[in-house]
Amino acid sequence: MCLDYFIASKEEVLTFLESINKLTTMESFNINKQMILDLNKPENNSTLMDLEFGRDDVLREIQSLTLSDYYQSVPDLLRNDNIPYHVFFRGKNKKEIYIKIKVKNNRLIICKSFHYANYSHGKFPYL
């Protein structure tokens, strides 16, 4: 768990989710060019294999996120773009999936994490 986490406002989270849905439902959206899925993380790969998920399945999960799935936000310490990652948890196969994503320039989804949770989350702020 990141010590620099913060809770985004309800409005910020809703705007973030709306931006994902707006971007991904555009006719010009290209999942292979506009969604980066970090496959260098072994836990992402093993979860995707276990769920038999491809890129389209991950996108469907991201599109179905709601305010009540939101857990926290964390700064992106690797890039100096001031765009935080938002962390969500979703239940799948009786396990929790940890999803850490952000949208850059309203045209690129960066999914840093999509894997079984490594820790038990606390209370969701907007449940």
C-alpha atoms as a PDB file:
ATOM      1  CA  MET A   1       0.000   0.000   0.000  1.00  0.00           C
ATOM      2  CA  CYS A   2       1.367   3.406  -1.006  1.00  0.00           C
ATOM      3  CA  LEU A   3       1.919   5.936   1.765  1.00  0.00           C
ATOM      4  CA  ASP A   4       1.337   8.884  -0.569  1.00  0.00           C
ATOM      5  CA  TYR A   5      -2.220   7.876  -1.351  1.00  0.00           C
ATOM      6  CA  PHE A   6      -5.099  10.312  -1.187  1.00  0.00           C
ATOM      7  CA  ILE A   7      -8.849  10.168  -1.631  1.00  0.00           C
ATOM      8  CA  ALA A   8     -10.032  12.017  -4.715  1.00  0.00           C
ATOM      9  CA  SER A   9     -13.314  13.851  -4.432  1.00  0.00           C
ATOM     10  CA  LYS A  10     -16.478  12.115  -5.545  1.00  0.00           C
ATOM     11  CA  GLU A  11     -16.698  14.579  -8.449  1.00  0.00           C
ATOM     12  CA  GLU A  12     -13.102  13.847  -9.531  1.00  0.00           C
ATOM     13  CA  VAL A  13     -13.719  10.098  -9.574  1.00  0.00           C
ATOM     14  CA  LEU A  14     -16.980  10.466 -11.489  1.00  0.00           C
ATOM     15  CA  THR A  15     -15.285  12.780 -14.002  1.00  0.00           C
ATOM     16  CA  PHE A  16     -12.460  10.253 -14.377  1.00  0.00           C
ATOM     17  CA  LEU A  17     -14.879   7.384 -15.010  1.00  0.00           C
ATOM     18  CA  GLU A  18     -16.830   9.529 -17.463  1.00  0.00           C
ATOM     19  CA  SER A  19     -13.612  10.363 -19.343  1.00  0.00           C
ATOM     20  CA  ILE A  20     -12.835   6.642 -19.715  1.00  0.00           C
ATOM     21  CA  ASN A  21     -16.283   5.865 -21.046  1.00  0.00           C
ATOM     22  CA  LYS A  22     -16.261   8.861 -23.379  1.00  0.00           C
ATOM     23  CA  LEU A  23     -12.836   7.912 -24.769  1.00  0.00           C
ATOM     24  CA  THR A  24     -13.553   4.199 -25.167  1.00  0.00           C
ATOM     25  CA  THR A  25     -16.908   4.659 -26.869  1.00  0.00           C
ATOM     26  CA  MET A  26     -15.540   6.997 -29.528  1.00  0.00           C
ATOM     27  CA  GLU A  27     -15.676   5.430 -32.967  1.00  0.00           C
ATOM     28  CA  SER A  28     -11.997   6.265 -33.461  1.00  0.00           C
ATOM     29  CA  PHE A  29     -10.866   4.535 -30.237  1.00  0.00           C
ATOM     30  CA  ASN A  30      -8.141   1.965 -30.956  1.00  0.00           C
ATOM     31  CA  ILE A  31      -7.663  -0.381 -28.012  1.00  0.00           C
ATOM     32  CA  ASN A  32      -4.215  -1.489 -29.214  1.00  0.00           C
ATOM     33  CA  LYS A  33      -2.894   2.064 -29.494  1.00  0.00           C
ATOM     34  CA  GLN A  34      -4.857   3.869 -26.805  1.00  0.00           C
ATOM     35  CA  MET A  35      -4.776   1.415 -23.898  1.00  0.00           C
ATOM     36  CA  ILE A  36      -1.449   0.539 -22.375  1.00  0.00           C
ATOM     37  CA  LEU A  37      -1.675  -2.614 -20.293  1.00  0.00           C
ATOM     38  CA  ASP A  38       1.490  -3.263 -18.277  1.00  0.00           C
ATOM     39  CA  LEU A  39       2.389  -6.825 -19.181  1.00  0.00           C
ATOM     40  CA  ASN A  40       5.864  -6.522 -17.653  1.00  0.00           C
ATOM     41  CA  LYS A  41       4.348  -7.203 -14.235  1.00  0.00           C
ATOM     42  CA  PRO A  42       4.203 -10.960 -13.617  1.00  0.00           C
ATOM     43  CA  GLU A  43       1.138 -10.604 -11.368  1.00  0.00           C
ATOM     44  CA  ASN A  44      -0.789  -8.916 -14.197  1.00  0.00           C
ATOM     45  CA  ASN A  45       0.107 -11.713 -16.609  1.00  0.00           C
ATOM     46  CA  SER A  46      -0.746 -14.527 -14.189  1.00  0.00           C
ATOM     47  CA  THR A  47      -4.116 -12.959 -13.310  1.00  0.00           C
ATOM     48  CA  LEU A  48      -4.999 -12.435 -16.976  1.00  0.00           C
ATOM     49  CA  MET A  49      -4.071 -16.050 -17.727  1.00  0.00           C
ATOM     50  CA  ASP A  50      -6.058 -17.355 -14.749  1.00  0.00           C
ATOM     51  CA  LEU A  51      -9.136 -15.354 -15.772  1.00  0.00           C
ATOM     52  CA  GLU A  52      -8.558 -16.165 -19.461  1.00  0.00           C
ATOM     53  CA  PHE A  53      -8.746 -12.417 -20.100  1.00  0.00           C
ATOM     54  CA  GLY A  54      -7.503 -10.537 -23.119  1.00  0.00           C
ATOM     55  CA  ARG A  55      -7.214  -6.811 -23.710  1.00  0.00           C
ATOM     56  CA  ASP A  56     -10.931  -6.517 -24.603  1.00  0.00           C
ATOM     57  CA  ASP A  57     -11.931  -8.173 -21.315  1.00  0.00           C
ATOM     58  CA  VAL A  58      -9.749  -5.784 -19.314  1.00  0.00           C
ATOM     59  CA  LEU A  59     -11.301  -2.846 -21.147  1.00  0.00           C
ATOM     60  CA  ARG A  60     -14.813  -4.127 -20.365  1.00  0.00           C
ATOM     61  CA  GLU A  61     -13.900  -4.346 -16.677  1.00  0.00           C
ATOM     62  CA  ILE A  62     -12.485  -0.816 -16.745  1.00  0.00           C
ATOM     63  CA  GLN A  63     -15.582   0.506 -18.509  1.00  0.00           C
ATOM     64  CA  SER A  64     -17.826  -1.093 -15.885  1.00  0.00           C
ATOM     65  CA  LEU A  65     -16.068   0.508 -12.898  1.00  0.00           C
ATOM     66  CA  THR A  66     -18.292   2.582 -10.649  1.00  0.00           C
ATOM     67  CA  LEU A  67     -17.816   5.112  -7.893  1.00  0.00           C
ATOM     68  CA  SER A  68     -18.378   2.400  -5.281  1.00  0.00           C
ATOM     69  CA  ASP A  69     -15.390   0.407  -6.697  1.00  0.00           C
ATOM     70  CA  TYR A  70     -13.043   3.354  -6.067  1.00  0.00           C
ATOM     71  CA  TYR A  71     -10.528   2.906  -3.257  1.00  0.00           C
ATOM     72  CA  GLN A  72      -7.847   5.600  -3.441  1.00  0.00           C
ATOM     73  CA  SER A  73      -5.538   7.589  -5.704  1.00  0.00           C
ATOM     74  CA  VAL A  74      -1.750   7.597  -5.825  1.00  0.00           C
ATOM     75  CA  PRO A  75       0.748   9.910  -7.497  1.00  0.00           C
ATOM     76  CA  ASP A  76       2.687   8.606 -10.484  1.00  0.00           C
ATOM     77  CA  LEU A  77       6.209   8.688  -9.100  1.00  0.00           C
ATOM     78  CA  LEU A  78       7.828   7.545 -12.358  1.00  0.00           C
ATOM     79  CA  ARG A  79       6.442  10.265 -14.629  1.00  0.00           C
ATOM     80  CA  ASN A  80       6.425  13.945 -13.912  1.00  0.00           C
ATOM     81  CA  ASP A  81       2.988  14.545 -15.432  1.00  0.00           C
ATOM     82  CA  ASN A  82       0.983  15.264 -12.250  1.00  0.00           C
ATOM     83  CA  ILE A  83      -1.664  12.747 -13.327  1.00  0.00           C
ATOM     84  CA  PRO A  84      -2.426  10.357 -10.471  1.00  0.00           C
ATOM     85  CA  TYR A  85      -3.398   6.743 -10.791  1.00  0.00           C
ATOM     86  CA  HIS A  86      -6.816   5.827  -9.451  1.00  0.00           C
ATOM     87  CA  VAL A  87      -7.151   2.503  -7.654  1.00  0.00           C
ATOM     88  CA  PHE A  88     -10.266   0.353  -7.837  1.00  0.00           C
ATOM     89  CA  PHE A  89     -11.165  -3.102  -6.563  1.00  0.00           C
ATOM     90  CA  ARG A  90     -13.525  -5.458  -8.404  1.00  0.00           C
ATOM     91  CA  GLY A  91     -14.690  -8.908  -7.430  1.00  0.00           C
ATOM     92  CA  LYS A  92     -13.935 -11.665  -9.947  1.00  0.00           C
ATOM     93  CA  ASN A  93     -13.953 -15.448  -9.408  1.00  0.00           C
ATOM     94  CA  LYS A  94     -14.523 -14.847  -5.673  1.00  0.00           C
ATOM     95  CA  LYS A  95     -11.265 -12.846  -5.509  1.00  0.00           C
ATOM     96  CA  GLU A  96     -10.554  -9.126  -5.495  1.00  0.00           C
ATOM     97  CA  ILE A  97      -8.944  -7.597  -8.565  1.00  0.00           C
ATOM     98  CA  TYR A  98      -6.696  -4.584  -7.951  1.00  0.00           C
ATOM     99  CA  ILE A  99      -6.967  -2.108 -10.844  1.00  0.00           C
ATOM    100  CA  LYS A 100      -4.673   0.928 -11.024  1.00  0.00           C
ATOM    101  CA  ILE A 101      -5.355   3.204 -13.987  1.00  0.00           C
ATOM    102  CA  LYS A 102      -5.095   6.721 -15.293  1.00  0.00           C
ATOM    103  CA  VAL A 103      -6.024   8.629 -18.435  1.00  0.00           C
ATOM    104  CA  LYS A 104      -3.436  10.814 -20.117  1.00  0.00           C
ATOM    105  CA  ASN A 105      -4.354  13.709 -22.429  1.00  0.00           C
ATOM    106  CA  ASN A 106      -7.933  12.406 -22.745  1.00  0.00           C
ATOM    107  CA  ARG A 107      -6.700   9.900 -25.311  1.00  0.00           C
ATOM    108  CA  LEU A 108      -4.577   7.253 -23.592  1.00  0.00           C
ATOM    109  CA  ILE A 109      -5.551   4.791 -20.856  1.00  0.00           C
ATOM    110  CA  ILE A 110      -2.641   3.512 -18.814  1.00  0.00           C
ATOM    111  CA  CYS A 111      -3.477   0.384 -16.845  1.00  0.00           C
ATOM    112  CA  LYS A 112      -0.508  -0.165 -14.545  1.00  0.00           C
ATOM    113  CA  SER A 113      -2.133  -2.918 -12.501  1.00  0.00           C
ATOM    114  CA  PHE A 114      -4.807  -5.496 -13.195  1.00  0.00           C
ATOM    115  CA  HIS A 115      -4.179  -8.382 -10.828  1.00  0.00           C
ATOM    116  CA  TYR A 116      -5.441 -10.243  -7.806  1.00  0.00           C
ATOM    117  CA  ALA A 117      -5.114  -8.031  -4.758  1.00  0.00           C
ATOM    118  CA  ASN A 118      -1.937  -8.417  -2.712  1.00  0.00           C
ATOM    119  CA  TYR A 119      -3.509  -6.934   0.399  1.00  0.00           C
ATOM    120  CA  SER A 120      -6.877  -6.617   2.019  1.00  0.00           C
ATOM    121  CA  HIS A 121      -8.357  -3.223   1.319  1.00  0.00           C
ATOM    122  CA  GLY A 122      -9.961  -1.093   3.975  1.00  0.00           C
ATOM    123  CA  LYS A 123     -13.162   0.852   3.731  1.00  0.00           C
ATOM    124  CA  PHE A 124     -14.248   2.207   0.347  1.00  0.00           C
ATOM    125  CA  PRO A 125     -14.782   5.962   0.611  1.00  0.00           C
ATOM    126  CA  TYR A 126     -17.893   6.117  -1.609  1.00  0.00           C
ATOM    127  CA  LEU A 127     -19.775   2.950  -0.766  1.00  0.00           C
END
